[in-house]
């Protein structure tokens, strides 16, 4: 099996000559999602004193999150096709999941979001207790404490959230190979493929940490290049594990 360093090298080779289109596809996805988020924020539903408006705000946020997840499937499909050396048709790439059982993709994403985001519940609780408007120049001690606790809880949640997501990190690739596979079978197949691979995949992910720090330092712009690199690397991992094991859907 390829070592993490070899996987990343193979991903760079795969992206040679294809990076421009991959990044542009990622930019389109990012702009579309950001536009929806800005429109949602401009409604001021989240700042409304009415509970119904606040509930609607969070429901709409969930819808935007799921739309982003479905559009990301289209990006992953294109990058996975590069790994397989089987180019896909260019028009409507990002909307692939809407044509191939979107409910299955949604169910798998909801499950994975739930098991990962549950660790961030304490941080979310602190966030919800923050006042709607904060004067950064004159913040009360209570607000500073809440923000400190929120940051600490979020940092503590990262490690268990990453570890719990490992068994299901190949689910999208399973569904791309068989769009008619059920959500349960796709999750189980990913979990089976990942058995005995956790340390190797963690090492692969840790190899992206310096790039992620650079992405954060660039106000997120760097992730336009890092994201395709990461997904191509995971595509090669999936192909390697798929060929080594017999998959039964």
Protein backbone atom coordinates (compact mmCIF):
# COMPACT_ATOMS: atom_id res chain seq x y z
CA UNK A 1 0.00 0.00 0.00
CA UNK A 2 1.12 3.54 -0.72
CA UNK A 3 2.44 5.58 2.13
CA UNK A 4 0.79 8.99 2.83
CA UNK A 5 3.68 10.80 1.16
CA UNK A 6 3.31 8.66 -1.96
CA UNK A 7 -0.46 9.24 -2.02
CA UNK A 8 0.04 13.01 -2.00
CA UNK A 9 2.68 12.73 -4.72
CA UNK A 10 0.28 10.68 -6.86
CA UNK A 11 -2.42 13.30 -6.27
CA UNK A 12 -0.09 16.06 -7.51
CA UNK A 13 0.68 14.03 -10.64
CA UNK A 14 -3.05 13.50 -11.25
CA UNK A 15 -3.77 17.21 -10.92
CA UNK A 16 -1.01 18.22 -13.33
CA UNK A 17 -2.71 19.97 -16.23
CA UNK A 18 -6.11 19.75 -14.49
CA UNK A 19 -5.59 22.07 -11.54
CA UNK A 20 -6.93 25.15 -13.33
CA UNK A 21 -10.34 23.63 -14.04
CA UNK A 22 -10.51 21.97 -10.60
CA UNK A 23 -9.84 25.27 -8.84
CA UNK A 24 -12.36 27.11 -11.03
CA UNK A 25 -14.97 24.48 -10.23
CA UNK A 26 -14.21 24.94 -6.54
CA UNK A 27 -14.47 28.73 -6.91
CA UNK A 28 -17.91 28.38 -8.52
CA UNK A 29 -19.05 26.17 -5.65
CA UNK A 30 -17.65 28.59 -3.05
CA UNK A 31 -19.21 31.68 -4.64
CA UNK A 32 -22.61 30.01 -4.93
CA UNK A 33 -22.59 28.89 -1.29
CA UNK A 34 -21.31 32.28 -0.06
CA UNK A 35 -24.04 34.08 -2.02
CA UNK A 36 -26.72 31.95 -0.38
CA UNK A 37 -25.18 32.56 3.05
CA UNK A 38 -25.02 36.33 2.50
CA UNK A 39 -28.65 36.42 1.37
CA UNK A 40 -29.65 34.43 4.46
CA UNK A 41 -27.68 36.69 6.79
CA UNK A 42 -29.25 39.79 5.21
CA UNK A 43 -32.73 38.63 6.24
CA UNK A 44 -31.88 39.31 9.93
CA UNK A 45 -33.92 36.26 10.93
CA UNK A 46 -31.19 35.15 13.31
CA UNK A 47 -31.33 38.46 15.17
CA UNK A 48 -35.11 38.42 15.47
CA UNK A 49 -36.57 38.21 19.01
CA UNK A 50 -39.25 35.83 17.68
CA UNK A 51 -38.45 32.17 18.31
CA UNK A 52 -40.19 31.15 15.07
CA UNK A 53 -37.90 33.41 13.02
CA UNK A 54 -34.81 32.03 14.75
CA UNK A 55 -35.96 28.45 14.11
CA UNK A 56 -36.54 29.33 10.45
CA UNK A 57 -33.05 30.86 10.31
CA UNK A 58 -31.40 27.63 11.52
CA UNK A 59 -33.55 25.49 9.22
CA UNK A 60 -32.49 27.61 6.25
CA UNK A 61 -28.87 27.32 7.38
CA UNK A 62 -29.24 23.54 7.37
CA UNK A 63 -30.68 23.68 3.85
CA UNK A 64 -27.71 25.78 2.66
CA UNK A 65 -25.36 23.29 4.34
CA UNK A 66 -27.00 20.37 2.53
CA UNK A 67 -26.99 22.24 -0.79
CA UNK A 68 -23.27 22.83 -0.34
CA UNK A 69 -22.81 19.13 0.43
CA UNK A 70 -24.67 18.07 -2.72
CA UNK A 71 -22.71 20.50 -4.88
CA UNK A 72 -19.48 19.24 -3.33
CA UNK A 73 -20.38 15.76 -4.61
CA UNK A 74 -20.14 17.17 -8.14
CA UNK A 75 -16.67 18.53 -7.40
CA UNK A 76 -15.58 15.21 -5.88
CA UNK A 77 -16.97 13.31 -8.90
CA UNK A 78 -14.85 15.35 -11.27
CA UNK A 79 -11.71 14.88 -9.16
CA UNK A 80 -12.44 11.16 -8.73
CA UNK A 81 -12.75 10.84 -12.51
CA UNK A 82 -9.21 12.23 -12.78
CA UNK A 83 -8.00 9.53 -10.39
CA UNK A 84 -9.69 6.89 -12.56
CA UNK A 85 -8.42 8.56 -15.76
CA UNK A 86 -12.01 8.62 -16.99
CA UNK A 87 -13.02 12.25 -17.80
CA UNK A 88 -16.67 13.10 -17.25
CA UNK A 89 -18.87 15.42 -19.30
CA UNK A 90 -18.18 19.04 -18.35
CA UNK A 91 -21.69 20.68 -18.38
CA UNK A 92 -23.52 20.67 -15.03
CA UNK A 93 -20.72 18.94 -13.14
CA UNK A 94 -21.60 20.46 -9.78
CA UNK A 95 -25.23 19.34 -10.03
CA UNK A 96 -24.48 15.63 -10.45
CA UNK A 97 -25.89 14.68 -7.01
CA UNK A 98 -29.26 16.25 -7.87
CA UNK A 99 -29.57 13.76 -10.74
CA UNK A 100 -28.31 10.69 -8.86
CA UNK A 101 -30.43 9.93 -5.80
CA UNK A 102 -29.85 13.17 -3.85
CA UNK A 103 -31.78 11.70 -0.90
CA UNK A 104 -29.07 9.06 -0.45
CA UNK A 105 -26.30 11.63 -0.43
CA UNK A 106 -28.32 13.79 2.00
CA UNK A 107 -28.89 10.88 4.40
CA UNK A 108 -25.20 10.00 4.48
CA UNK A 109 -24.21 13.62 5.01
CA UNK A 110 -26.78 14.11 7.79
CA UNK A 111 -25.46 11.04 9.57
CA UNK A 112 -21.85 12.16 9.26
CA UNK A 113 -22.63 15.73 10.28
CA UNK A 114 -24.56 14.47 13.32
CA UNK A 115 -21.84 12.16 14.65
CA UNK A 116 -19.16 14.84 14.11
CA UNK A 117 -21.00 18.00 15.13
CA UNK A 118 -22.38 16.52 18.36
CA UNK A 119 -18.92 17.09 19.85
CA UNK A 120 -19.32 20.82 19.21
CA UNK A 121 -22.55 21.04 21.26
CA UNK A 122 -20.86 22.81 24.24
CA UNK A 123 -19.27 25.37 21.88
CA UNK A 124 -22.63 25.90 20.17
CA UNK A 125 -24.30 26.38 23.56
CA UNK A 126 -21.82 29.15 24.40
CA UNK A 127 -22.37 30.71 20.97
CA UNK A 128 -26.14 30.81 21.45
CA UNK A 129 -25.68 32.56 24.81
CA UNK A 130 -23.71 35.41 23.24
CA UNK A 131 -25.61 38.70 22.79
CA UNK A 132 -26.83 39.50 19.29
CA UNK A 133 -24.68 42.65 19.10
CA UNK A 134 -21.19 42.88 20.61
CA UNK A 135 -19.15 46.04 21.08
CA UNK A 136 -15.61 44.82 20.43
CA UNK A 137 -14.15 47.95 22.02
CA UNK A 138 -16.02 47.46 25.31
CA UNK A 139 -16.93 43.82 25.87
CA UNK A 140 -18.29 42.79 29.28
CA UNK A 141 -16.29 40.22 31.25
CA UNK A 142 -19.10 37.69 30.90
CA UNK A 143 -19.00 37.93 27.10
CA UNK A 144 -15.21 37.52 27.06
CA UNK A 145 -15.52 34.41 29.25
CA UNK A 146 -18.21 32.96 26.98
CA UNK A 147 -16.08 33.53 23.90
CA UNK A 148 -13.05 31.99 25.61
CA UNK A 149 -15.06 28.93 26.65
CA UNK A 150 -16.53 28.63 23.16
CA UNK A 151 -13.06 28.65 21.57
CA UNK A 152 -11.74 26.13 24.11
CA UNK A 153 -14.70 23.76 23.63
CA UNK A 154 -14.35 24.01 19.84
CA UNK A 155 -10.64 23.16 19.98
CA UNK A 156 -11.29 20.21 22.29
CA UNK A 157 -14.00 18.93 19.93
CA UNK A 158 -11.77 18.83 16.84
CA UNK A 159 -9.86 15.65 17.74
CA UNK A 160 -12.88 13.43 18.60
CA UNK A 161 -14.84 14.86 15.64
CA UNK A 162 -12.01 13.92 13.25
CA UNK A 163 -11.56 10.47 14.78
CA UNK A 164 -15.27 9.66 14.68
CA UNK A 165 -15.47 10.71 11.01
CA UNK A 166 -12.71 8.35 9.87
CA UNK A 167 -14.81 5.19 9.24
CA UNK A 168 -17.14 7.02 6.85
CA UNK A 169 -14.66 9.25 4.98
CA UNK A 170 -14.97 7.20 1.76
CA UNK A 171 -18.78 7.22 1.57
CA UNK A 172 -18.97 9.67 -1.35
CA UNK A 173 -16.64 7.54 -3.45
CA UNK A 174 -18.70 4.41 -2.74
CA UNK A 175 -21.83 6.22 -3.93
CA UNK A 176 -20.03 7.55 -6.99
CA UNK A 177 -19.14 3.98 -7.94
CA UNK A 178 -22.73 2.83 -7.35
CA UNK A 179 -25.28 5.70 -7.19
CA UNK A 180 -28.07 3.16 -6.51
CA UNK A 181 -26.41 1.90 -3.34
CA UNK A 182 -28.44 2.64 -0.20
CA UNK A 183 -27.15 5.11 2.38
CA UNK A 184 -26.74 2.34 4.97
CA UNK A 185 -24.77 0.10 2.62
CA UNK A 186 -22.57 3.00 1.49
CA UNK A 187 -21.69 3.86 5.08
CA UNK A 188 -21.06 0.21 5.94
CA UNK A 189 -18.87 -0.27 2.85
CA UNK A 190 -16.79 2.76 3.75
CA UNK A 191 -16.42 1.49 7.29
CA UNK A 192 -15.33 -1.93 6.04
CA UNK A 193 -12.79 -0.46 3.63
CA UNK A 194 -11.34 1.70 6.40
CA UNK A 195 -10.69 -1.17 8.80
CA UNK A 196 -7.01 -1.19 9.68
CA UNK A 197 -6.43 2.08 7.78
CA UNK A 198 -7.08 4.66 10.51
CA UNK A 199 -3.44 5.40 11.37
CA UNK A 200 -2.44 5.67 7.72
CA UNK A 201 -5.32 8.02 6.88
CA UNK A 202 -4.64 10.12 9.98
CA UNK A 203 -1.04 10.49 8.87
CA UNK A 204 -2.28 11.48 5.41
CA UNK A 205 -4.61 14.10 6.89
CA UNK A 206 -1.89 15.44 9.19
CA UNK A 207 0.25 15.97 6.10
CA UNK A 208 -2.32 18.55 4.98
CA UNK A 209 -2.14 20.43 8.30
CA UNK A 210 0.62 22.88 7.24
CA UNK A 211 -1.33 23.64 4.05
CA UNK A 212 -4.52 24.18 6.07
CA UNK A 213 -2.70 26.63 8.34
CA UNK A 214 -1.57 28.51 5.23
CA UNK A 215 -5.18 28.41 4.00
CA UNK A 216 -6.39 29.95 7.25
CA UNK A 217 -3.63 32.56 7.07
CA UNK A 218 -4.77 33.51 3.57
CA UNK A 219 -8.32 34.16 4.82
CA UNK A 220 -9.51 30.90 3.29
CA UNK A 221 -8.33 31.64 -0.25
CA UNK A 222 -5.73 28.89 -0.11
CA UNK A 223 -8.41 26.26 0.38
CA UNK A 224 -9.46 26.79 -3.23
CA UNK A 225 -6.26 24.89 -4.13
CA UNK A 226 -6.03 22.64 -1.05
CA UNK A 227 -9.52 21.17 -1.39
CA UNK A 228 -9.01 19.56 -4.84
CA UNK A 229 -5.60 18.27 -3.69
CA UNK A 230 -7.21 16.63 -0.64
CA UNK A 231 -10.09 15.02 -2.53
CA UNK A 232 -7.80 13.62 -5.24
CA UNK A 233 -5.62 12.12 -2.50
CA UNK A 234 -8.68 10.47 -0.92
CA UNK A 235 -9.79 9.28 -4.35
CA UNK A 236 -6.50 7.41 -4.76
CA UNK A 237 -6.91 5.94 -1.27
CA UNK A 238 -10.38 4.67 -2.18
CA UNK A 239 -9.24 3.15 -5.48
CA UNK A 240 -6.38 1.38 -3.73
CA UNK A 241 -8.62 -0.06 -1.00
CA UNK A 242 -11.41 -0.90 -3.45
CA UNK A 243 -9.04 -2.92 -5.63
CA UNK A 244 -7.62 -4.74 -2.60
CA UNK A 245 -11.05 -5.77 -1.28
CA UNK A 246 -14.22 -7.17 -2.81
CA UNK A 247 -17.06 -4.67 -2.42
CA UNK A 248 -20.56 -6.05 -2.07
CA UNK A 249 -23.35 -3.49 -2.35
